[in-house]
């Protein structure tokens, strides 16, 4: 198997971990053998001493994976990659997470600004980039799974609820009512926020809205029924990491 000169990135999220090497991808939750799954993926597809860019919102899990991979590959964090980036201007924004910035940079690999990213994970983040590639900020709300878990903690008799999209707006039982309330409530919140961003900043109503994240496919059909221009990109954060690696090191990764 040819493992030379591949581009690689890892996104360590709250609920799962994703990695990409060119067209090959892996995604898994944090079960007992997650470190082994990721390391085998890299052993089979990436040459020794190649560069792996990593974004992480989980310091402990990053350290675990770093200890496993550090002797075989050059690990570079999102903090390092973002230090001297000139893709977007975020000087006026304080405390914005790397995942949000990487999503905006990932959006630039396929779309011209202005655009808005909608990342649906543990939290749902809505992030705005204007036509001058300036980050205007964004909105953060609780994600679908997070809302469900919060209700489960507070409601003793609540059974396990599977998340899927129902046709009816109301439910005939408690599980269905909660499912509809959470999923469709999230969609309503996103549409309200997006419509007001467009109005406040005088964006064109056809502005690109880039949807990504683990629960994005659940709400995609409902968002596509709106008058807004919804685009789905599964690997937005990973694409941002890859773009920064290419910008910093060029394409000859194995030589660094």
C-alpha atoms as a PDB file:
ATOM      1  CA  UNK A   1       0.000   0.000   0.000  1.00  0.00           C
ATOM      2  CA  UNK A   2       1.385   3.422  -0.946  1.00  0.00           C
ATOM      3  CA  UNK A   3       1.586   5.582   2.178  1.00  0.00           C
ATOM      4  CA  UNK A   4       3.884   8.377   0.945  1.00  0.00           C
ATOM      5  CA  UNK A   5       3.220  12.115   0.949  1.00  0.00           C
ATOM      6  CA  UNK A   6      -0.337  11.969   2.233  1.00  0.00           C
ATOM      7  CA  UNK A   7      -2.256  14.845   3.798  1.00  0.00           C
ATOM      8  CA  UNK A   8      -3.657  13.977   7.217  1.00  0.00           C
ATOM      9  CA  UNK A   9      -5.812  15.580   9.906  1.00  0.00           C
ATOM     10  CA  UNK A  10      -7.635  14.620  13.105  1.00  0.00           C
ATOM     11  CA  UNK A  11     -10.637  16.284  14.746  1.00  0.00           C
ATOM     12  CA  UNK A  12     -11.065  15.206  18.392  1.00  0.00           C
ATOM     13  CA  UNK A  13     -14.578  16.260  19.335  1.00  0.00           C
ATOM     14  CA  UNK A  14     -16.690  15.817  22.460  1.00  0.00           C
ATOM     15  CA  UNK A  15     -18.693  12.869  21.135  1.00  0.00           C
ATOM     16  CA  UNK A  16     -16.413  11.288  18.542  1.00  0.00           C
ATOM     17  CA  UNK A  17     -13.113  11.500  16.711  1.00  0.00           C
ATOM     18  CA  UNK A  18     -12.647  11.856  12.962  1.00  0.00           C
ATOM     19  CA  UNK A  19      -9.539  11.514  10.837  1.00  0.00           C
ATOM     20  CA  UNK A  20      -8.822  11.910   7.145  1.00  0.00           C
ATOM     21  CA  UNK A  21      -5.938  10.989   4.834  1.00  0.00           C
ATOM     22  CA  UNK A  22      -6.700  12.174   1.308  1.00  0.00           C
ATOM     23  CA  UNK A  23      -9.935  10.357   0.371  1.00  0.00           C
ATOM     24  CA  UNK A  24      -9.764   7.855   3.248  1.00  0.00           C
ATOM     25  CA  UNK A  25     -11.738   8.679   6.409  1.00  0.00           C
ATOM     26  CA  UNK A  26     -12.483   7.140   9.775  1.00  0.00           C
ATOM     27  CA  UNK A  27     -14.949   8.166  12.476  1.00  0.00           C
ATOM     28  CA  UNK A  28     -15.518   6.469  15.812  1.00  0.00           C
ATOM     29  CA  UNK A  29     -16.806   7.138  19.303  1.00  0.00           C
ATOM     30  CA  UNK A  30     -14.673   6.843  22.424  1.00  0.00           C
ATOM     31  CA  UNK A  31     -15.157   3.158  23.055  1.00  0.00           C
ATOM     32  CA  UNK A  32     -12.411   1.120  24.727  1.00  0.00           C
ATOM     33  CA  UNK A  33     -10.372   0.558  21.548  1.00  0.00           C
ATOM     34  CA  UNK A  34     -10.694   3.982  19.890  1.00  0.00           C
ATOM     35  CA  UNK A  35      -6.970   4.759  20.152  1.00  0.00           C
ATOM     36  CA  UNK A  36      -6.077   1.476  18.493  1.00  0.00           C
ATOM     37  CA  UNK A  37      -8.598   2.065  15.681  1.00  0.00           C
ATOM     38  CA  UNK A  38      -7.112   5.470  14.900  1.00  0.00           C
ATOM     39  CA  UNK A  39      -3.492   4.316  15.125  1.00  0.00           C
ATOM     40  CA  UNK A  40      -4.121   1.328  12.820  1.00  0.00           C
ATOM     41  CA  UNK A  41      -5.807   3.685  10.335  1.00  0.00           C
ATOM     42  CA  UNK A  42      -2.638   5.795  10.207  1.00  0.00           C
ATOM     43  CA  UNK A  43      -0.289   2.796  10.120  1.00  0.00           C
ATOM     44  CA  UNK A  44      -2.108   1.467   7.060  1.00  0.00           C
ATOM     45  CA  UNK A  45      -2.342   4.749   5.164  1.00  0.00           C
ATOM     46  CA  UNK A  46       0.429   7.130   6.214  1.00  0.00           C
ATOM     47  CA  UNK A  47       4.214   6.953   5.972  1.00  0.00           C
ATOM     48  CA  UNK A  48       6.421   7.458   9.032  1.00  0.00           C
ATOM     49  CA  UNK A  49       7.424  11.042   9.941  1.00  0.00           C
ATOM     50  CA  UNK A  50       4.510  12.531   7.998  1.00  0.00           C
ATOM     51  CA  UNK A  51       2.620  15.489   9.428  1.00  0.00           C
ATOM     52  CA  UNK A  52      -0.716  15.083  11.197  1.00  0.00           C
ATOM     53  CA  UNK A  53      -2.680  18.216  12.046  1.00  0.00           C
ATOM     54  CA  UNK A  54      -4.906  17.887  15.118  1.00  0.00           C
ATOM     55  CA  UNK A  55      -7.814  19.927  16.432  1.00  0.00           C
ATOM     56  CA  UNK A  56      -9.069  18.906  19.856  1.00  0.00           C
ATOM     57  CA  UNK A  57     -11.643  20.059  22.397  1.00  0.00           C
ATOM     58  CA  UNK A  58     -10.645  17.137  24.651  1.00  0.00           C
ATOM     59  CA  UNK A  59      -7.144  17.693  26.163  1.00  0.00           C
ATOM     60  CA  UNK A  60      -7.019  14.313  27.934  1.00  0.00           C
ATOM     61  CA  UNK A  61      -7.944  12.372  24.798  1.00  0.00           C
ATOM     62  CA  UNK A  62      -5.497  14.428  22.757  1.00  0.00           C
ATOM     63  CA  UNK A  63      -2.711  13.499  25.189  1.00  0.00           C
ATOM     64  CA  UNK A  64      -3.637   9.818  24.981  1.00  0.00           C
ATOM     65  CA  UNK A  65      -3.528   9.856  21.187  1.00  0.00           C
ATOM     66  CA  UNK A  66      -0.394  12.006  21.092  1.00  0.00           C
ATOM     67  CA  UNK A  67       1.457   9.463  23.249  1.00  0.00           C
ATOM     68  CA  UNK A  68       0.458   6.741  20.788  1.00  0.00           C
ATOM     69  CA  UNK A  69       1.409   8.587  17.581  1.00  0.00           C
ATOM     70  CA  UNK A  70       4.270  10.926  18.567  1.00  0.00           C
ATOM     71  CA  UNK A  71       7.102   8.476  17.831  1.00  0.00           C
ATOM     72  CA  UNK A  72       5.880   7.744  14.306  1.00  0.00           C
ATOM     73  CA  UNK A  73       4.577  11.096  13.035  1.00  0.00           C
ATOM     74  CA  UNK A  74       5.053  14.824  13.405  1.00  0.00           C
ATOM     75  CA  UNK A  75       1.994  16.049  15.323  1.00  0.00           C
ATOM     76  CA  UNK A  76       1.076  19.712  14.906  1.00  0.00           C
ATOM     77  CA  UNK A  77      -1.807  21.221  16.823  1.00  0.00           C
ATOM     78  CA  UNK A  78      -4.477  23.583  15.563  1.00  0.00           C
ATOM     79  CA  UNK A  79      -3.075  26.243  17.922  1.00  0.00           C
ATOM     80  CA  UNK A  80       0.254  26.091  16.097  1.00  0.00           C
ATOM     81  CA  UNK A  81      -1.331  26.032  12.649  1.00  0.00           C
ATOM     82  CA  UNK A  82      -3.574  29.005  13.411  1.00  0.00           C
ATOM     83  CA  UNK A  83      -0.821  31.228  14.840  1.00  0.00           C
ATOM     84  CA  UNK A  84       0.269  32.766  11.556  1.00  0.00           C
ATOM     85  CA  UNK A  85      -2.699  31.990   9.332  1.00  0.00           C
ATOM     86  CA  UNK A  86      -3.809  34.725   6.958  1.00  0.00           C
ATOM     87  CA  UNK A  87      -6.941  33.116   5.555  1.00  0.00           C
ATOM     88  CA  UNK A  88      -9.384  34.998   7.759  1.00  0.00           C
ATOM     89  CA  UNK A  89      -9.332  38.050  10.022  1.00  0.00           C
ATOM     90  CA  UNK A  90     -10.566  37.217  13.510  1.00  0.00           C
ATOM     91  CA  UNK A  91      -8.698  39.942  15.416  1.00  0.00           C
ATOM     92  CA  UNK A  92     -11.878  41.485  16.799  1.00  0.00           C
ATOM     93  CA  UNK A  93     -13.268  38.193  18.099  1.00  0.00           C
ATOM     94  CA  UNK A  94     -12.280  37.005  21.585  1.00  0.00           C
ATOM     95  CA  UNK A  95     -12.232  33.439  22.832  1.00  0.00           C
ATOM     96  CA  UNK A  96     -13.506  31.804  19.655  1.00  0.00           C
ATOM     97  CA  UNK A  97     -12.805  28.072  19.574  1.00  0.00           C
ATOM     98  CA  UNK A  98     -10.383  26.542  17.104  1.00  0.00           C
ATOM     99  CA  UNK A  99     -13.120  24.305  15.720  1.00  0.00           C
ATOM    100  CA  UNK A 100     -15.148  27.365  14.717  1.00  0.00           C
ATOM    101  CA  UNK A 101     -12.144  29.022  13.067  1.00  0.00           C
ATOM    102  CA  UNK A 102     -11.169  25.819  11.269  1.00  0.00           C
ATOM    103  CA  UNK A 103     -14.717  25.458   9.982  1.00  0.00           C
ATOM    104  CA  UNK A 104     -14.566  28.933   8.459  1.00  0.00           C
ATOM    105  CA  UNK A 105     -11.164  28.200   6.898  1.00  0.00           C
ATOM    106  CA  UNK A 106     -12.515  24.877   5.632  1.00  0.00           C
ATOM    107  CA  UNK A 107     -15.396  26.755   4.034  1.00  0.00           C
ATOM    108  CA  UNK A 108     -12.921  28.880   2.095  1.00  0.00           C
ATOM    109  CA  UNK A 109     -11.539  25.757   0.395  1.00  0.00           C
ATOM    110  CA  UNK A 110     -14.784  25.470  -1.610  1.00  0.00           C
ATOM    111  CA  UNK A 111     -16.772  28.683  -1.280  1.00  0.00           C
ATOM    112  CA  UNK A 112     -16.211  32.405  -1.727  1.00  0.00           C
ATOM    113  CA  UNK A 113     -17.193  34.670   1.171  1.00  0.00           C
ATOM    114  CA  UNK A 114     -19.483  35.846   2.564  1.00  0.00           C
ATOM    115  CA  UNK A 115     -20.874  32.650   4.028  1.00  0.00           C
ATOM    116  CA  UNK A 116     -22.184  31.212   7.288  1.00  0.00           C
ATOM    117  CA  UNK A 117     -21.174  27.876   8.802  1.00  0.00           C
ATOM    118  CA  UNK A 118     -23.559  25.816  10.942  1.00  0.00           C
ATOM    119  CA  UNK A 119     -21.716  23.125  12.904  1.00  0.00           C
ATOM    120  CA  UNK A 120     -24.047  20.656  14.648  1.00  0.00           C
ATOM    121  CA  UNK A 121     -22.267  18.773  17.379  1.00  0.00           C
ATOM    122  CA  UNK A 122     -22.384  18.778  21.181  1.00  0.00           C
ATOM    123  CA  UNK A 123     -23.019  22.478  20.701  1.00  0.00           C
ATOM    124  CA  UNK A 124     -24.434  24.071  17.578  1.00  0.00           C
ATOM    125  CA  UNK A 125     -22.255  26.952  16.437  1.00  0.00           C
ATOM    126  CA  UNK A 126     -23.303  29.437  13.781  1.00  0.00           C
ATOM    127  CA  UNK A 127     -20.334  31.432  12.483  1.00  0.00           C
ATOM    128  CA  UNK A 128     -20.263  34.367  10.075  1.00  0.00           C
ATOM    129  CA  UNK A 129     -17.562  35.345   7.562  1.00  0.00           C
ATOM    130  CA  UNK A 130     -18.063  38.543   5.558  1.00  0.00           C
ATOM    131  CA  UNK A 131     -16.998  39.309   2.007  1.00  0.00           C
ATOM    132  CA  UNK A 132     -13.615  40.635   3.243  1.00  0.00           C
ATOM    133  CA  UNK A 133     -12.895  37.303   4.980  1.00  0.00           C
ATOM    134  CA  UNK A 134     -13.468  38.893   8.364  1.00  0.00           C
ATOM    135  CA  UNK A 135     -15.022  36.764  11.095  1.00  0.00           C
ATOM    136  CA  UNK A 136     -17.939  38.735  12.514  1.00  0.00           C
ATOM    137  CA  UNK A 137     -18.591  36.296  15.344  1.00  0.00           C
ATOM    138  CA  UNK A 138     -21.396  33.847  15.842  1.00  0.00           C
ATOM    139  CA  UNK A 139     -24.006  32.160  18.007  1.00  0.00           C
ATOM    140  CA  UNK A 140     -23.747  29.052  20.196  1.00  0.00           C
ATOM    141  CA  UNK A 141     -26.664  26.928  21.382  1.00  0.00           C
ATOM    142  CA  UNK A 142     -27.006  23.466  22.877  1.00  0.00           C
ATOM    143  CA  UNK A 143     -26.848  20.617  20.357  1.00  0.00           C
ATOM    144  CA  UNK A 144     -29.559  18.044  19.749  1.00  0.00           C
ATOM    145  CA  UNK A 145     -27.918  15.267  21.766  1.00  0.00           C
ATOM    146  CA  UNK A 146     -26.969  17.697  24.539  1.00  0.00           C
ATOM    147  CA  UNK A 147     -30.574  18.831  24.922  1.00  0.00           C
ATOM    148  CA  UNK A 148     -31.758  15.238  25.027  1.00  0.00           C
ATOM    149  CA  UNK A 149     -29.186  14.274  27.674  1.00  0.00           C
ATOM    150  CA  UNK A 150     -30.085  17.326  29.780  1.00  0.00           C
ATOM    151  CA  UNK A 151     -33.754  16.316  29.769  1.00  0.00           C
ATOM    152  CA  UNK A 152     -32.826  12.734  30.614  1.00  0.00           C
ATOM    153  CA  UNK A 153     -30.899  13.891  33.688  1.00  0.00           C
ATOM    154  CA  UNK A 154     -33.749  16.084  34.896  1.00  0.00           C
ATOM    155  CA  UNK A 155     -36.553  13.641  34.063  1.00  0.00           C
ATOM    156  CA  UNK A 156     -36.343  10.411  36.065  1.00  0.00           C
ATOM    157  CA  UNK A 157     -38.934   8.429  34.097  1.00  0.00           C
ATOM    158  CA  UNK A 158     -37.700   9.350  30.640  1.00  0.00           C
ATOM    159  CA  UNK A 159     -36.879   6.311  28.517  1.00  0.00           C
ATOM    160  CA  UNK A 160     -34.026   6.163  26.007  1.00  0.00           C
ATOM    161  CA  UNK A 161     -35.037   8.129  22.927  1.00  0.00           C
ATOM    162  CA  UNK A 162     -33.740   7.482  19.429  1.00  0.00           C
ATOM    163  CA  UNK A 163     -33.185  10.581  17.331  1.00  0.00           C
ATOM    164  CA  UNK A 164     -34.778  10.578  13.896  1.00  0.00           C
ATOM    165  CA  UNK A 165     -36.927  12.935  11.887  1.00  0.00           C
ATOM    166  CA  UNK A 166     -40.701  12.427  12.131  1.00  0.00           C
ATOM    167  CA  UNK A 167     -43.228  13.775   9.636  1.00  0.00           C
ATOM    168  CA  UNK A 168     -45.660  15.071  12.261  1.00  0.00           C
ATOM    169  CA  UNK A 169     -44.952  18.302  14.095  1.00  0.00           C
ATOM    170  CA  UNK A 170     -46.490  16.928  17.306  1.00  0.00           C
ATOM    171  CA  UNK A 171     -45.989  13.588  19.030  1.00  0.00           C
ATOM    172  CA  UNK A 172     -48.559  11.023  20.186  1.00  0.00           C
ATOM    173  CA  UNK A 173     -46.420   9.945  23.160  1.00  0.00           C
ATOM    174  CA  UNK A 174     -43.743  11.429  25.407  1.00  0.00           C
ATOM    175  CA  UNK A 175     -40.793  10.107  23.375  1.00  0.00           C
ATOM    176  CA  UNK A 176     -42.229  11.422  20.111  1.00  0.00           C
ATOM    177  CA  UNK A 177     -43.103  14.779  21.660  1.00  0.00           C
ATOM    178  CA  UNK A 178     -39.555  15.207  22.978  1.00  0.00           C
ATOM    179  CA  UNK A 179     -38.019  14.080  19.709  1.00  0.00           C
ATOM    180  CA  UNK A 180     -40.097  16.590  17.754  1.00  0.00           C
ATOM    181  CA  UNK A 181     -39.549  19.350  20.265  1.00  0.00           C
ATOM    182  CA  UNK A 182     -35.775  19.022  20.277  1.00  0.00           C
ATOM    183  CA  UNK A 183     -35.139  18.438  16.573  1.00  0.00           C
ATOM    184  CA  UNK A 184     -37.674  20.910  15.229  1.00  0.00           C
ATOM    185  CA  UNK A 185     -36.895  23.392  17.970  1.00  0.00           C
ATOM    186  CA  UNK A 186     -33.256  23.361  16.871  1.00  0.00           C
ATOM    187  CA  UNK A 187     -34.274  23.881  13.238  1.00  0.00           C
ATOM    188  CA  UNK A 188     -36.539  26.771  14.229  1.00  0.00           C
ATOM    189  CA  UNK A 189     -33.734  28.372  16.239  1.00  0.00           C
ATOM    190  CA  UNK A 190     -31.263  28.057  13.374  1.00  0.00           C
ATOM    191  CA  UNK A 191     -33.685  29.533  10.848  1.00  0.00           C
ATOM    192  CA  UNK A 192     -34.555  32.442  13.151  1.00  0.00           C
ATOM    193  CA  UNK A 193     -30.892  33.224  13.829  1.00  0.00           C
ATOM    194  CA  UNK A 194     -29.839  32.937  10.179  1.00  0.00           C
ATOM    195  CA  UNK A 195     -32.686  35.116   8.913  1.00  0.00           C
ATOM    196  CA  UNK A 196     -31.804  37.838  11.411  1.00  0.00           C
ATOM    197  CA  UNK A 197     -28.086  37.671  10.589  1.00  0.00           C
ATOM    198  CA  UNK A 198     -28.944  38.155   6.926  1.00  0.00           C
ATOM    199  CA  UNK A 199     -31.182  41.096   7.786  1.00  0.00           C
ATOM    200  CA  UNK A 200     -28.786  42.799  10.211  1.00  0.00           C
ATOM    201  CA  UNK A 201     -25.725  42.531   7.957  1.00  0.00           C
ATOM    202  CA  UNK A 202     -27.554  43.067   4.667  1.00  0.00           C
ATOM    203  CA  UNK A 203     -26.394  39.766   3.215  1.00  0.00           C
ATOM    204  CA  UNK A 204     -27.944  38.413   0.043  1.00  0.00           C
ATOM    205  CA  UNK A 205     -30.725  35.936   0.833  1.00  0.00           C
ATOM    206  CA  UNK A 206     -28.837  33.378  -1.305  1.00  0.00           C
ATOM    207  CA  UNK A 207     -25.737  33.526   0.903  1.00  0.00           C
ATOM    208  CA  UNK A 208     -24.104  30.092   1.243  1.00  0.00           C
ATOM    209  CA  UNK A 209     -25.014  28.344   4.502  1.00  0.00           C
ATOM    210  CA  UNK A 210     -22.561  25.496   5.087  1.00  0.00           C
ATOM    211  CA  UNK A 211     -23.924  22.727   7.298  1.00  0.00           C
ATOM    212  CA  UNK A 212     -21.598  20.253   9.029  1.00  0.00           C
ATOM    213  CA  UNK A 213     -21.275  18.189  12.214  1.00  0.00           C
ATOM    214  CA  UNK A 214     -22.395  14.880  13.656  1.00  0.00           C
ATOM    215  CA  UNK A 215     -26.140  15.559  13.909  1.00  0.00           C
ATOM    216  CA  UNK A 216     -26.403  17.749  10.816  1.00  0.00           C
ATOM    217  CA  UNK A 217     -27.916  14.989   8.670  1.00  0.00           C
ATOM    218  CA  UNK A 218     -30.909  14.757  11.013  1.00  0.00           C
ATOM    219  CA  UNK A 219     -31.923  18.364  10.403  1.00  0.00           C
ATOM    220  CA  UNK A 220     -30.696  18.712   6.805  1.00  0.00           C
ATOM    221  CA  UNK A 221     -34.039  17.684   5.198  1.00  0.00           C
ATOM    222  CA  UNK A 222     -35.928  20.331   7.182  1.00  0.00           C
ATOM    223  CA  UNK A 223     -33.405  23.087   6.476  1.00  0.00           C
ATOM    224  CA  UNK A 224     -33.485  22.234   2.761  1.00  0.00           C
ATOM    225  CA  UNK A 225     -37.223  22.985   2.741  1.00  0.00           C
ATOM    226  CA  UNK A 226     -36.539  26.593   3.691  1.00  0.00           C
ATOM    227  CA  UNK A 227     -35.907  29.363   1.172  1.00  0.00           C
ATOM    228  CA  UNK A 228     -32.266  29.474   2.285  1.00  0.00           C
ATOM    229  CA  UNK A 229     -29.282  28.051   0.384  1.00  0.00           C
ATOM    230  CA  UNK A 230     -28.129  25.063   2.449  1.00  0.00           C
ATOM    231  CA  UNK A 231     -24.909  23.242   1.516  1.00  0.00           C
ATOM    232  CA  UNK A 232     -23.726  20.090   3.319  1.00  0.00           C
ATOM    233  CA  UNK A 233     -20.000  19.554   3.927  1.00  0.00           C
ATOM    234  CA  UNK A 234     -19.170  16.585   6.145  1.00  0.00           C
ATOM    235  CA  UNK A 235     -15.465  17.352   6.728  1.00  0.00           C
ATOM    236  CA  UNK A 236     -15.448  21.121   7.188  1.00  0.00           C
ATOM    237  CA  UNK A 237     -13.092  21.260  10.202  1.00  0.00           C
ATOM    238  CA  UNK A 238     -10.789  18.597   8.760  1.00  0.00           C
ATOM    239  CA  UNK A 239     -10.627  20.526   5.479  1.00  0.00           C
ATOM    240  CA  UNK A 240      -9.600  23.604   7.447  1.00  0.00           C
ATOM    241  CA  UNK A 241      -6.732  21.699   9.072  1.00  0.00           C
ATOM    242  CA  UNK A 242      -5.577  20.310   5.724  1.00  0.00           C
ATOM    243  CA  UNK A 243      -5.670  23.761   4.156  1.00  0.00           C
ATOM    244  CA  UNK A 244      -3.469  25.176   6.921  1.00  0.00           C
ATOM    245  CA  UNK A 245      -0.980  22.302   6.593  1.00  0.00           C
ATOM    246  CA  UNK A 246      -0.637  22.883   2.852  1.00  0.00           C
ATOM    247  CA  UNK A 247      -0.270  26.633   3.405  1.00  0.00           C
ATOM    248  CA  UNK A 248       2.492  26.144   5.958  1.00  0.00           C
ATOM    249  CA  UNK A 249       4.422  23.139   4.627  1.00  0.00           C
ATOM    250  CA  UNK A 250       3.525  22.893   0.951  1.00  0.00           C
ATOM    251  CA  UNK A 251       2.722  19.454  -0.474  1.00  0.00           C
ATOM    252  CA  UNK A 252       5.948  17.572   0.261  1.00  0.00           C
ATOM    253  CA  UNK A 253       5.015  16.511   3.778  1.00  0.00           C
ATOM    254  CA  UNK A 254       7.376  13.574   4.156  1.00  0.00           C
ATOM    255  CA  UNK A 255      10.435  15.859   3.938  1.00  0.00           C
ATOM    256  CA  UNK A 256       9.563  17.838   7.076  1.00  0.00           C
END
